[in-house]
Amino acid sequence: QVYVRNFTRALRYEYSGCGITIQHLSPMFINTKMNDYSRTLRTTSFLVPDAQTFAKHAVNTLGKLDYTTGYWSHGIQNFLTRLSPEWARILIGGKLNESFQKEYLNTQSEKCR
């Protein structure tokens, strides 16, 4: 993510006089078919918007912000995540990853039955 953010900044600077809008968009989870492995991520909620809702909100930020998460609740999640110490983010991220891996393996085994 750091590489993409810095690359976006460089592009924005380089093309600033050309009338091109370059924005860094860094969302959290979005309810899409890509998340079929997870019932949690395939359920629309205020933390996990559906793709159409997310896109509508993200497009509304174009030209207004250089960096955005694209959706209001993702902004709150991002803010709260950055408040926590790095060790906590790593621990929580690891636990979420384990949870999603188990959910994925369960969905795969259900498909094979």
PDB file of N, CA and C in Angstrom:
ATOM      1  N   GLN A   1       0.823  -1.188   0.000  1.00  0.00           N
ATOM      2  CA  GLN A   1       0.000   0.000   0.000  1.00  0.00           C
ATOM      3  C   GLN A   1       0.867   1.253   0.000  1.00  0.00           C
ATOM      4  N   VAL A   2       1.994   1.235   0.666  1.00  0.00           N
ATOM      5  CA  VAL A   2       2.879   2.398   0.707  1.00  0.00           C
ATOM      6  C   VAL A   2       3.402   2.705  -0.692  1.00  0.00           C
ATOM      7  N   TYR A   3       3.771   1.659  -1.435  1.00  0.00           N
ATOM      8  CA  TYR A   3       4.262   1.869  -2.792  1.00  0.00           C
ATOM      9  C   TYR A   3       3.186   2.546  -3.645  1.00  0.00           C
ATOM     10  N   VAL A   4       1.975   2.023  -3.616  1.00  0.00           N
ATOM     11  CA  VAL A   4       0.896   2.568  -4.435  1.00  0.00           C
ATOM     12  C   VAL A   4       0.598   4.008  -4.032  1.00  0.00           C
ATOM     13  N   ARG A   5       0.588   4.290  -2.737  1.00  0.00           N
ATOM     14  CA  ARG A   5       0.337   5.657  -2.265  1.00  0.00           C
ATOM     15  C   ARG A   5       1.410   6.618  -2.791  1.00  0.00           C
ATOM     16  N   ASN A   6       2.669   6.231  -2.670  1.00  0.00           N
ATOM     17  CA  ASN A   6       3.747   7.097  -3.136  1.00  0.00           C
ATOM     18  C   ASN A   6       3.780   7.223  -4.654  1.00  0.00           C
ATOM     19  N   PHE A   7       3.477   6.144  -5.351  1.00  0.00           N
ATOM     20  CA  PHE A   7       3.396   6.195  -6.807  1.00  0.00           C
ATOM     21  C   PHE A   7       2.277   7.148  -7.233  1.00  0.00           C
ATOM     22  N   THR A   8       1.151   7.086  -6.553  1.00  0.00           N
ATOM     23  CA  THR A   8       0.029   7.985  -6.841  1.00  0.00           C
ATOM     24  C   THR A   8       0.432   9.437  -6.619  1.00  0.00           C
ATOM     25  N   ARG A   9       1.117   9.712  -5.519  1.00  0.00           N
ATOM     26  CA  ARG A   9       1.593  11.076  -5.247  1.00  0.00           C
ATOM     27  C   ARG A   9       2.509  11.566  -6.369  1.00  0.00           C
ATOM     28  N   ALA A  10       3.418  10.699  -6.805  1.00  0.00           N
ATOM     29  CA  ALA A  10       4.350  11.085  -7.860  1.00  0.00           C
ATOM     30  C   ALA A  10       3.610  11.380  -9.168  1.00  0.00           C
ATOM     31  N   LEU A  11       2.649  10.525  -9.513  1.00  0.00           N
ATOM     32  CA  LEU A  11       1.856  10.769 -10.723  1.00  0.00           C
ATOM     33  C   LEU A  11       1.063  12.064 -10.619  1.00  0.00           C
ATOM     34  N   ARG A  12       0.465  12.303  -9.460  1.00  0.00           N
ATOM     35  CA  ARG A  12      -0.314  13.526  -9.254  1.00  0.00           C
ATOM     36  C   ARG A  12       0.566  14.757  -9.447  1.00  0.00           C
ATOM     37  N   TYR A  13       1.769  14.714  -8.889  1.00  0.00           N
ATOM     38  CA  TYR A  13       2.708  15.821  -9.018  1.00  0.00           C
ATOM     39  C   TYR A  13       3.125  16.002 -10.476  1.00  0.00           C
ATOM     40  N   GLU A  14       3.465  14.893 -11.128  1.00  0.00           N
ATOM     41  CA  GLU A  14       3.951  14.954 -12.500  1.00  0.00           C
ATOM     42  C   GLU A  14       2.891  15.482 -13.466  1.00  0.00           C
ATOM     43  N   TYR A  15       1.632  15.114 -13.247  1.00  0.00           N
ATOM     44  CA  TYR A  15       0.566  15.500 -14.162  1.00  0.00           C
ATOM     45  C   TYR A  15      -0.319  16.632 -13.627  1.00  0.00           C
ATOM     46  N   SER A  16       0.146  17.318 -12.608  1.00  0.00           N
ATOM     47  CA  SER A  16      -0.669  18.359 -11.975  1.00  0.00           C
ATOM     48  C   SER A  16      -1.076  19.473 -12.944  1.00  0.00           C
ATOM     49  N   GLY A  17      -0.276  19.759 -13.922  1.00  0.00           N
ATOM     50  CA  GLY A  17      -0.604  20.827 -14.862  1.00  0.00           C
ATOM     51  C   GLY A  17      -1.359  20.370 -16.091  1.00  0.00           C
ATOM     52  N   CYS A  18      -1.747  19.119 -16.149  1.00  0.00           N
ATOM     53  CA  CYS A  18      -2.377  18.559 -17.355  1.00  0.00           C
ATOM     54  C   CYS A  18      -3.889  18.403 -17.246  1.00  0.00           C
ATOM     55  N   GLY A  19      -4.471  18.770 -16.125  1.00  0.00           N
ATOM     56  CA  GLY A  19      -5.917  18.630 -15.962  1.00  0.00           C
ATOM     57  C   GLY A  19      -6.371  17.197 -15.728  1.00  0.00           C
ATOM     58  N   ILE A  20      -5.475  16.348 -15.266  1.00  0.00           N
ATOM     59  CA  ILE A  20      -5.804  14.947 -14.990  1.00  0.00           C
ATOM     60  C   ILE A  20      -5.954  14.765 -13.484  1.00  0.00           C
ATOM     61  N   THR A  21      -7.050  14.154 -13.071  1.00  0.00           N
ATOM     62  CA  THR A  21      -7.283  13.877 -11.656  1.00  0.00           C
ATOM     63  C   THR A  21      -6.690  12.517 -11.308  1.00  0.00           C
ATOM     64  N   ILE A  22      -5.787  12.503 -10.359  1.00  0.00           N
ATOM     65  CA  ILE A  22      -5.184  11.255  -9.896  1.00  0.00           C
ATOM     66  C   ILE A  22      -5.421  11.168  -8.396  1.00  0.00           C
ATOM     67  N   GLN A  23      -6.091  10.115  -7.983  1.00  0.00           N
ATOM     68  CA  GLN A  23      -6.498   9.958  -6.589  1.00  0.00           C
ATOM     69  C   GLN A  23      -6.090   8.577  -6.082  1.00  0.00           C
ATOM     70  N   HIS A  24      -5.632   8.531  -4.841  1.00  0.00           N
ATOM     71  CA  HIS A  24      -5.310   7.253  -4.197  1.00  0.00           C
ATOM     72  C   HIS A  24      -6.563   6.772  -3.475  1.00  0.00           C
ATOM     73  N   LEU A  25      -7.090   5.644  -3.896  1.00  0.00           N
ATOM     74  CA  LEU A  25      -8.284   5.051  -3.303  1.00  0.00           C
ATOM     75  C   LEU A  25      -7.868   3.783  -2.578  1.00  0.00           C
ATOM     76  N   SER A  26      -8.111   3.745  -1.266  1.00  0.00           N
ATOM     77  CA  SER A  26      -7.692   2.610  -0.447  1.00  0.00           C
ATOM     78  C   SER A  26      -8.869   2.136   0.404  1.00  0.00           C
ATOM     79  N   PRO A  27      -9.746   1.315  -0.173  1.00  0.00           N
ATOM     80  CA  PRO A  27     -10.938   0.869   0.553  1.00  0.00           C
ATOM     81  C   PRO A  27     -10.660  -0.251   1.529  1.00  0.00           C
ATOM     82  N   MET A  28     -11.633  -0.520   2.353  1.00  0.00           N
ATOM     83  CA  MET A  28     -11.620  -1.702   3.208  1.00  0.00           C
ATOM     84  C   MET A  28     -12.415  -2.781   2.456  1.00  0.00           C
ATOM     85  N   PHE A  29     -13.152  -3.640   3.160  1.00  0.00           N
ATOM     86  CA  PHE A  29     -13.895  -4.707   2.497  1.00  0.00           C
ATOM     87  C   PHE A  29     -15.150  -4.181   1.815  1.00  0.00           C
ATOM     88  N   ILE A  30     -15.449  -4.768   0.642  1.00  0.00           N
ATOM     89  CA  ILE A  30     -16.635  -4.426  -0.146  1.00  0.00           C
ATOM     90  C   ILE A  30     -17.314  -5.740  -0.510  1.00  0.00           C
ATOM     91  N   ASN A  31     -18.633  -5.764  -0.440  1.00  0.00           N
ATOM     92  CA  ASN A  31     -19.400  -6.960  -0.780  1.00  0.00           C
ATOM     93  C   ASN A  31     -19.385  -7.149  -2.289  1.00  0.00           C
ATOM     94  N   THR A  32     -18.526  -8.067  -2.759  1.00  0.00           N
ATOM     95  CA  THR A  32     -18.448  -8.407  -4.184  1.00  0.00           C
ATOM     96  C   THR A  32     -18.369  -9.920  -4.326  1.00  0.00           C
ATOM     97  N   LYS A  33     -18.528 -10.408  -5.539  1.00  0.00           N
ATOM     98  CA  LYS A  33     -18.434 -11.846  -5.791  1.00  0.00           C
ATOM     99  C   LYS A  33     -17.043 -12.384  -5.469  1.00  0.00           C
ATOM    100  N   MET A  34     -16.050 -11.500  -5.463  1.00  0.00           N
ATOM    101  CA  MET A  34     -14.691 -11.915  -5.152  1.00  0.00           C
ATOM    102  C   MET A  34     -14.602 -12.466  -3.722  1.00  0.00           C
ATOM    103  N   ASN A  35     -15.555 -12.088  -2.884  1.00  0.00           N
ATOM    104  CA  ASN A  35     -15.565 -12.525  -1.487  1.00  0.00           C
ATOM    105  C   ASN A  35     -16.559 -13.664  -1.247  1.00  0.00           C
ATOM    106  N   ASP A  36     -16.838 -14.450  -2.265  1.00  0.00           N
ATOM    107  CA  ASP A  36     -17.795 -15.556  -2.120  1.00  0.00           C
ATOM    108  C   ASP A  36     -17.391 -16.560  -1.044  1.00  0.00           C
ATOM    109  N   TYR A  37     -16.122 -16.608  -0.698  1.00  0.00           N
ATOM    110  CA  TYR A  37     -15.639 -17.544   0.312  1.00  0.00           C
ATOM    111  C   TYR A  37     -16.106 -17.176   1.721  1.00  0.00           C
ATOM    112  N   SER A  38     -16.640 -15.951   1.888  1.00  0.00           N
ATOM    113  CA  SER A  38     -16.967 -15.477   3.234  1.00  0.00           C
ATOM    114  C   SER A  38     -18.405 -14.983   3.326  1.00  0.00           C
ATOM    115  N   ARG A  39     -19.184 -15.620   4.165  1.00  0.00           N
ATOM    116  CA  ARG A  39     -20.558 -15.132   4.384  1.00  0.00           C
ATOM    117  C   ARG A  39     -20.544 -13.740   4.999  1.00  0.00           C
ATOM    118  N   THR A  40     -19.561 -13.483   5.859  1.00  0.00           N
ATOM    119  CA  THR A  40     -19.448 -12.180   6.514  1.00  0.00           C
ATOM    120  C   THR A  40     -19.231 -11.078   5.483  1.00  0.00           C
ATOM    121  N   LEU A  41     -18.318 -11.303   4.554  1.00  0.00           N
ATOM    122  CA  LEU A  41     -17.991 -10.281   3.557  1.00  0.00           C
ATOM    123  C   LEU A  41     -19.005 -10.212   2.429  1.00  0.00           C
ATOM    124  N   ARG A  42     -19.841 -11.227   2.287  1.00  0.00           N
ATOM    125  CA  ARG A  42     -20.893 -11.216   1.274  1.00  0.00           C
ATOM    126  C   ARG A  42     -22.216 -10.698   1.841  1.00  0.00           C
ATOM    127  N   THR A  43     -22.174 -10.239   3.074  1.00  0.00           N
ATOM    128  CA  THR A  43     -23.355  -9.655   3.707  1.00  0.00           C
ATOM    129  C   THR A  43     -23.140  -8.151   3.807  1.00  0.00           C
ATOM    130  N   THR A  44     -23.979  -7.400   3.124  1.00  0.00           N
ATOM    131  CA  THR A  44     -23.859  -5.944   3.150  1.00  0.00           C
ATOM    132  C   THR A  44     -24.193  -5.428   4.538  1.00  0.00           C
ATOM    133  N   SER A  45     -23.335  -4.544   5.031  1.00  0.00           N
ATOM    134  CA  SER A  45     -23.546  -3.919   6.332  1.00  0.00           C
ATOM    135  C   SER A  45     -22.951  -2.523   6.283  1.00  0.00           C
ATOM    136  N   PHE A  46     -23.013  -1.809   7.381  1.00  0.00           N
ATOM    137  CA  PHE A  46     -22.453  -0.466   7.353  1.00  0.00           C
ATOM    138  C   PHE A  46     -20.925  -0.511   7.279  1.00  0.00           C
ATOM    139  N   LEU A  47     -20.309  -1.628   7.634  1.00  0.00           N
ATOM    140  CA  LEU A  47     -18.862  -1.792   7.499  1.00  0.00           C
ATOM    141  C   LEU A  47     -18.467  -2.369   6.145  1.00  0.00           C
ATOM    142  N   VAL A  48     -19.368  -3.120   5.521  1.00  0.00           N
ATOM    143  CA  VAL A  48     -19.099  -3.770   4.237  1.00  0.00           C
ATOM    144  C   VAL A  48     -20.208  -3.379   3.250  1.00  0.00           C
ATOM    145  N   PRO A  49     -20.010  -2.264   2.522  1.00  0.00           N
ATOM    146  CA  PRO A  49     -21.046  -1.831   1.581  1.00  0.00           C
ATOM    147  C   PRO A  49     -21.062  -2.710   0.329  1.00  0.00           C
ATOM    148  N   ASP A  50     -22.184  -2.704  -0.400  1.00  0.00           N
ATOM    149  CA  ASP A  50     -22.202  -3.399  -1.676  1.00  0.00           C
ATOM    150  C   ASP A  50     -21.428  -2.548  -2.693  1.00  0.00           C
ATOM    151  N   ALA A  51     -21.049  -3.162  -3.799  1.00  0.00           N
ATOM    152  CA  ALA A  51     -20.173  -2.507  -4.773  1.00  0.00           C
ATOM    153  C   ALA A  51     -20.794  -1.241  -5.358  1.00  0.00           C
ATOM    154  N   GLN A  52     -22.086  -1.253  -5.635  1.00  0.00           N
ATOM    155  CA  GLN A  52     -22.742  -0.091  -6.235  1.00  0.00           C
ATOM    156  C   GLN A  52     -22.735   1.101  -5.267  1.00  0.00           C
ATOM    157  N   THR A  53     -23.047   0.864  -4.019  1.00  0.00           N
ATOM    158  CA  THR A  53     -23.028   1.926  -3.008  1.00  0.00           C
ATOM    159  C   THR A  53     -21.619   2.471  -2.839  1.00  0.00           C
ATOM    160  N   PHE A  54     -20.646   1.559  -2.738  1.00  0.00           N
ATOM    161  CA  PHE A  54     -19.258   2.001  -2.581  1.00  0.00           C
ATOM    162  C   PHE A  54     -18.831   2.864  -3.763  1.00  0.00           C
ATOM    163  N   ALA A  55     -19.091   2.392  -4.976  1.00  0.00           N
ATOM    164  CA  ALA A  55     -18.664   3.118  -6.178  1.00  0.00           C
ATOM    165  C   ALA A  55     -19.286   4.515  -6.232  1.00  0.00           C
ATOM    166  N   LYS A  56     -20.565   4.611  -5.869  1.00  0.00           N
ATOM    167  CA  LYS A  56     -21.251   5.911  -5.879  1.00  0.00           C
ATOM    168  C   LYS A  56     -20.551   6.888  -4.930  1.00  0.00           C
ATOM    169  N   HIS A  57     -20.228   6.429  -3.745  1.00  0.00           N
ATOM    170  CA  HIS A  57     -19.559   7.286  -2.762  1.00  0.00           C
ATOM    171  C   HIS A  57     -18.130   7.628  -3.195  1.00  0.00           C
ATOM    172  N   ALA A  58     -17.412   6.648  -3.716  1.00  0.00           N
ATOM    173  CA  ALA A  58     -16.018   6.868  -4.120  1.00  0.00           C
ATOM    174  C   ALA A  58     -15.929   7.862  -5.267  1.00  0.00           C
ATOM    175  N   VAL A  59     -16.808   7.737  -6.251  1.00  0.00           N
ATOM    176  CA  VAL A  59     -16.797   8.656  -7.399  1.00  0.00           C
ATOM    177  C   VAL A  59     -17.094  10.084  -6.948  1.00  0.00           C
ATOM    178  N   ASN A  60     -17.923  10.238  -5.928  1.00  0.00           N
ATOM    179  CA  ASN A  60     -18.233  11.578  -5.425  1.00  0.00           C
ATOM    180  C   ASN A  60     -17.037  12.275  -4.791  1.00  0.00           C
ATOM    181  N   THR A  61     -15.970  11.539  -4.495  1.00  0.00           N
ATOM    182  CA  THR A  61     -14.778  12.156  -3.899  1.00  0.00           C
ATOM    183  C   THR A  61     -13.756  12.591  -4.947  1.00  0.00           C
ATOM    184  N   LEU A  62     -13.948  12.166  -6.206  1.00  0.00           N
ATOM    185  CA  LEU A  62     -12.993  12.518  -7.262  1.00  0.00           C
ATOM    186  C   LEU A  62     -12.870  14.033  -7.398  1.00  0.00           C
ATOM    187  N   GLY A  63     -11.647  14.506  -7.441  1.00  0.00           N
ATOM    188  CA  GLY A  63     -11.383  15.932  -7.576  1.00  0.00           C
ATOM    189  C   GLY A  63     -11.493  16.709  -6.282  1.00  0.00           C
ATOM    190  N   LYS A  64     -11.944  16.059  -5.237  1.00  0.00           N
ATOM    191  CA  LYS A  64     -12.092  16.723  -3.936  1.00  0.00           C
ATOM    192  C   LYS A  64     -11.003  16.301  -2.955  1.00  0.00           C
ATOM    193  N   LEU A  65     -10.545  15.057  -3.065  1.00  0.00           N
ATOM    194  CA  LEU A  65      -9.554  14.510  -2.136  1.00  0.00           C
ATOM    195  C   LEU A  65      -8.432  13.838  -2.912  1.00  0.00           C
ATOM    196  N   ASP A  66      -7.210  13.989  -2.417  1.00  0.00           N
ATOM    197  CA  ASP A  66      -6.079  13.292  -3.028  1.00  0.00           C
ATOM    198  C   ASP A  66      -6.018  11.843  -2.569  1.00  0.00           C
ATOM    199  N   TYR A  67      -6.492  11.570  -1.345  1.00  0.00           N
ATOM    200  CA  TYR A  67      -6.485  10.233  -0.770  1.00  0.00           C
ATOM    201  C   TYR A  67      -7.838   9.990  -0.110  1.00  0.00           C
ATOM    202  N   THR A  68      -8.400   8.823  -0.322  1.00  0.00           N
ATOM    203  CA  THR A  68      -9.665   8.485   0.320  1.00  0.00           C
ATOM    204  C   THR A  68      -9.809   6.970   0.451  1.00  0.00           C
ATOM    205  N   THR A  69     -10.626   6.582   1.408  1.00  0.00           N
ATOM    206  CA  THR A  69     -11.000   5.179   1.511  1.00  0.00           C
ATOM    207  C   THR A  69     -12.239   4.918   0.646  1.00  0.00           C
ATOM    208  N   GLY A  70     -12.884   5.986   0.200  1.00  0.00           N
ATOM    209  CA  GLY A  70     -14.004   5.862  -0.720  1.00  0.00           C
ATOM    210  C   GLY A  70     -15.371   5.750  -0.081  1.00  0.00           C
ATOM    211  N   TYR A  71     -15.418   5.424   1.189  1.00  0.00           N
ATOM    212  CA  TYR A  71     -16.714   5.227   1.855  1.00  0.00           C
ATOM    213  C   TYR A  71     -16.582   5.681   3.298  1.00  0.00           C
ATOM    214  N   TRP A  72     -17.605   6.300   3.822  1.00  0.00           N
ATOM    215  CA  TRP A  72     -17.517   6.950   5.131  1.00  0.00           C
ATOM    216  C   TRP A  72     -17.125   5.988   6.251  1.00  0.00           C
ATOM    217  N   SER A  73     -17.708   4.792   6.274  1.00  0.00           N
ATOM    218  CA  SER A  73     -17.373   3.871   7.373  1.00  0.00           C
ATOM    219  C   SER A  73     -15.964   3.308   7.205  1.00  0.00           C
ATOM    220  N   HIS A  74     -15.483   3.226   5.974  1.00  0.00           N
ATOM    221  CA  HIS A  74     -14.103   2.797   5.767  1.00  0.00           C
ATOM    222  C   HIS A  74     -13.138   3.847   6.292  1.00  0.00           C
ATOM    223  N   GLY A  75     -13.517   5.122   6.176  1.00  0.00           N
ATOM    224  CA  GLY A  75     -12.708   6.200   6.739  1.00  0.00           C
ATOM    225  C   GLY A  75     -12.594   6.069   8.254  1.00  0.00           C
ATOM    226  N   ILE A  76     -13.709   5.745   8.899  1.00  0.00           N
ATOM    227  CA  ILE A  76     -13.703   5.555  10.360  1.00  0.00           C
ATOM    228  C   ILE A  76     -12.839   4.345  10.728  1.00  0.00           C
ATOM    229  N   GLN A  77     -13.002   3.244   9.988  1.00  0.00           N
ATOM    230  CA  GLN A  77     -12.203   2.043  10.250  1.00  0.00           C
ATOM    231  C   GLN A  77     -10.712   2.340  10.075  1.00  0.00           C
ATOM    232  N   ASN A  78     -10.372   3.075   9.031  1.00  0.00           N
ATOM    233  CA  ASN A  78      -8.984   3.429   8.763  1.00  0.00           C
ATOM    234  C   ASN A  78      -8.418   4.285   9.897  1.00  0.00           C
ATOM    235  N   PHE A  79      -9.192   5.264  10.351  1.00  0.00           N
ATOM    236  CA  PHE A  79      -8.763   6.140  11.436  1.00  0.00           C
ATOM    237  C   PHE A  79      -8.511   5.338  12.715  1.00  0.00           C
ATOM    238  N   LEU A  80      -9.462   4.482  13.069  1.00  0.00           N
ATOM    239  CA  LEU A  80      -9.320   3.679  14.287  1.00  0.00           C
ATOM    240  C   LEU A  80      -8.157   2.691  14.176  1.00  0.00           C
ATOM    241  N   THR A  81      -7.959   2.145  12.991  1.00  0.00           N
ATOM    242  CA  THR A  81      -6.843   1.221  12.777  1.00  0.00           C
ATOM    243  C   THR A  81      -5.519   1.931  13.000  1.00  0.00           C
ATOM    244  N   ARG A  82      -5.409   3.141  12.509  1.00  0.00           N
ATOM    245  CA  ARG A  82      -4.148   3.882  12.627  1.00  0.00           C
ATOM    246  C   ARG A  82      -3.882   4.347  14.061  1.00  0.00           C
ATOM    247  N   LEU A  83      -4.918   4.399  14.892  1.00  0.00           N
ATOM    248  CA  LEU A  83      -4.730   4.753  16.305  1.00  0.00           C
ATOM    249  C   LEU A  83      -4.062   3.629  17.088  1.00  0.00           C
ATOM    250  N   SER A  84      -4.294   2.407  16.658  1.00  0.00           N
ATOM    251  CA  SER A  84      -3.769   1.267  17.405  1.00  0.00           C
ATOM    252  C   SER A  84      -2.285   1.068  17.092  1.00  0.00           C
ATOM    253  N   PRO A  85      -1.542   0.501  18.038  1.00  0.00           N
ATOM    254  CA  PRO A  85      -0.117   0.239  17.790  1.00  0.00           C
ATOM    255  C   PRO A  85       0.059  -0.829  16.712  1.00  0.00           C
ATOM    256  N   GLU A  86       1.197  -0.798  16.068  1.00  0.00           N
ATOM    257  CA  GLU A  86       1.448  -1.726  14.957  1.00  0.00           C
ATOM    258  C   GLU A  86       1.310  -3.185  15.376  1.00  0.00           C
ATOM    259  N   TRP A  87       1.780  -3.540  16.568  1.00  0.00           N
ATOM    260  CA  TRP A  87       1.693  -4.937  17.006  1.00  0.00           C
ATOM    261  C   TRP A  87       0.236  -5.389  17.077  1.00  0.00           C
ATOM    262  N   ALA A  88      -0.667  -4.482  17.477  1.00  0.00           N
ATOM    263  CA  ALA A  88      -2.085  -4.835  17.568  1.00  0.00           C
ATOM    264  C   ALA A  88      -2.680  -5.021  16.176  1.00  0.00           C
ATOM    265  N   ARG A  89      -2.291  -4.163  15.239  1.00  0.00           N
ATOM    266  CA  ARG A  89      -2.782  -4.291  13.856  1.00  0.00           C
ATOM    267  C   ARG A  89      -2.326  -5.619  13.254  1.00  0.00           C
ATOM    268  N   ILE A  90      -1.083  -6.007  13.530  1.00  0.00           N
ATOM    269  CA  ILE A  90      -0.560  -7.271  13.015  1.00  0.00           C
ATOM    270  C   ILE A  90      -1.310  -8.445  13.633  1.00  0.00           C
ATOM    271  N   LEU A  91      -1.531  -8.391  14.945  1.00  0.00           N
ATOM    272  CA  LEU A  91      -2.242  -9.465  15.643  1.00  0.00           C
ATOM    273  C   LEU A  91      -3.680  -9.599  15.133  1.00  0.00           C
ATOM    274  N   ILE A  92      -4.389  -8.484  15.069  1.00  0.00           N
ATOM    275  CA  ILE A  92      -5.793  -8.507  14.615  1.00  0.00           C
ATOM    276  C   ILE A  92      -5.869  -8.932  13.154  1.00  0.00           C
ATOM    277  N   GLY A  93      -4.966  -8.399  12.315  1.00  0.00           N
ATOM    278  CA  GLY A  93      -4.938  -8.788  10.906  1.00  0.00           C
ATOM    279  C   GLY A  93      -4.700 -10.272  10.735  1.00  0.00           C
ATOM    280  N   GLY A  94      -3.799 -10.821  11.547  1.00  0.00           N
ATOM    281  CA  GLY A  94      -3.527 -12.256  11.492  1.00  0.00           C
ATOM    282  C   GLY A  94      -4.735 -13.081  11.889  1.00  0.00           C
ATOM    283  N   LYS A  95      -5.433 -12.640  12.940  1.00  0.00           N
ATOM    284  CA  LYS A  95      -6.641 -13.358  13.398  1.00  0.00           C
ATOM    285  C   LYS A  95      -7.734 -13.295  12.334  1.00  0.00           C
ATOM    286  N   LEU A  96      -7.927 -12.118  11.719  1.00  0.00           N
ATOM    287  CA  LEU A  96      -8.918 -11.994  10.643  1.00  0.00           C
ATOM    288  C   LEU A  96      -8.550 -12.904   9.477  1.00  0.00           C
ATOM    289  N   ASN A  97      -7.280 -12.917   9.130  1.00  0.00           N
ATOM    290  CA  ASN A  97      -6.818 -13.757   8.029  1.00  0.00           C
ATOM    291  C   ASN A  97      -7.097 -15.234   8.315  1.00  0.00           C
ATOM    292  N   GLU A  98      -6.803 -15.679   9.532  1.00  0.00           N
ATOM    293  CA  GLU A  98      -7.086 -17.072   9.917  1.00  0.00           C
ATOM    294  C   GLU A  98      -8.572 -17.373   9.808  1.00  0.00           C
ATOM    295  N   SER A  99      -9.395 -16.437  10.288  1.00  0.00           N
ATOM    296  CA  SER A  99     -10.839 -16.609  10.248  1.00  0.00           C
ATOM    297  C   SER A  99     -11.343 -16.735   8.811  1.00  0.00           C
ATOM    298  N   PHE A 100     -10.852 -15.863   7.925  1.00  0.00           N
ATOM    299  CA  PHE A 100     -11.292 -15.904   6.531  1.00  0.00           C
ATOM    300  C   PHE A 100     -10.769 -17.150   5.820  1.00  0.00           C
ATOM    301  N   GLN A 101      -9.570 -17.611   6.182  1.00  0.00           N
ATOM    302  CA  GLN A 101      -9.037 -18.838   5.587  1.00  0.00           C
ATOM    303  C   GLN A 101      -9.897 -20.039   5.974  1.00  0.00           C
ATOM    304  N   LYS A 102     -10.292 -20.114   7.243  1.00  0.00           N
ATOM    305  CA  LYS A 102     -11.158 -21.207   7.688  1.00  0.00           C
ATOM    306  C   LYS A 102     -12.494 -21.161   6.966  1.00  0.00           C
ATOM    307  N   GLU A 103     -13.048 -19.948   6.840  1.00  0.00           N
ATOM    308  CA  GLU A 103     -14.325 -19.795   6.147  1.00  0.00           C
ATOM    309  C   GLU A 103     -14.195 -20.223   4.685  1.00  0.00           C
ATOM    310  N   TYR A 104     -13.085 -19.858   4.053  1.00  0.00           N
ATOM    311  CA  TYR A 104     -12.841 -20.240   2.661  1.00  0.00           C
ATOM    312  C   TYR A 104     -12.749 -21.756   2.531  1.00  0.00           C
ATOM    313  N   LEU A 105     -11.984 -22.393   3.417  1.00  0.00           N
ATOM    314  CA  LEU A 105     -11.838 -23.846   3.358  1.00  0.00           C
ATOM    315  C   LEU A 105     -13.169 -24.544   3.573  1.00  0.00           C
ATOM    316  N   ASN A 106     -14.014 -24.005   4.455  1.00  0.00           N
ATOM    317  CA  ASN A 106     -15.340 -24.578   4.683  1.00  0.00           C
ATOM    318  C   ASN A 106     -16.201 -24.473   3.434  1.00  0.00           C
ATOM    319  N   THR A 107     -16.160 -23.343   2.749  1.00  0.00           N
ATOM    320  CA  THR A 107     -16.969 -23.189   1.536  1.00  0.00           C
ATOM    321  C   THR A 107     -16.471 -24.114   0.434  1.00  0.00           C
ATOM    322  N   GLN A 108     -15.161 -24.334   0.363  1.00  0.00           N
ATOM    323  CA  GLN A 108     -14.602 -25.234  -0.642  1.00  0.00           C
ATOM    324  C   GLN A 108     -15.034 -26.672  -0.378  1.00  0.00           C
ATOM    325  N   SER A 109     -15.025 -27.076   0.891  1.00  0.00           N
ATOM    326  CA  SER A 109     -15.423 -28.445   1.204  1.00  0.00           C
ATOM    327  C   SER A 109     -16.921 -28.645   0.971  1.00  0.00           C
ATOM    328  N   GLU A 110     -17.733 -27.601   1.166  1.00  0.00           N
ATOM    329  CA  GLU A 110     -19.169 -27.694   0.891  1.00  0.00           C
ATOM    330  C   GLU A 110     -19.428 -27.875  -0.609  1.00  0.00           C
ATOM    331  N   LYS A 111     -18.609 -27.224  -1.441  1.00  0.00           N
ATOM    332  CA  LYS A 111     -18.759 -27.349  -2.892  1.00  0.00           C
ATOM    333  C   LYS A 111     -18.459 -28.757  -3.379  1.00  0.00           C
ATOM    334  N   CYS A 112     -17.583 -29.449  -2.670  1.00  0.00           N
ATOM    335  CA  CYS A 112     -17.149 -30.779  -3.084  1.00  0.00           C
ATOM    336  C   CYS A 112     -18.095 -31.877  -2.619  1.00  0.00           C
ATOM    337  N   ARG A 113     -19.069 -31.549  -1.852  1.00  0.00           N
ATOM    338  CA  ARG A 113     -19.987 -32.575  -1.328  1.00  0.00           C
ATOM    339  C   ARG A 113     -21.048 -32.934  -2.317  1.00  0.00           C
TER     340      ARG A 113
END
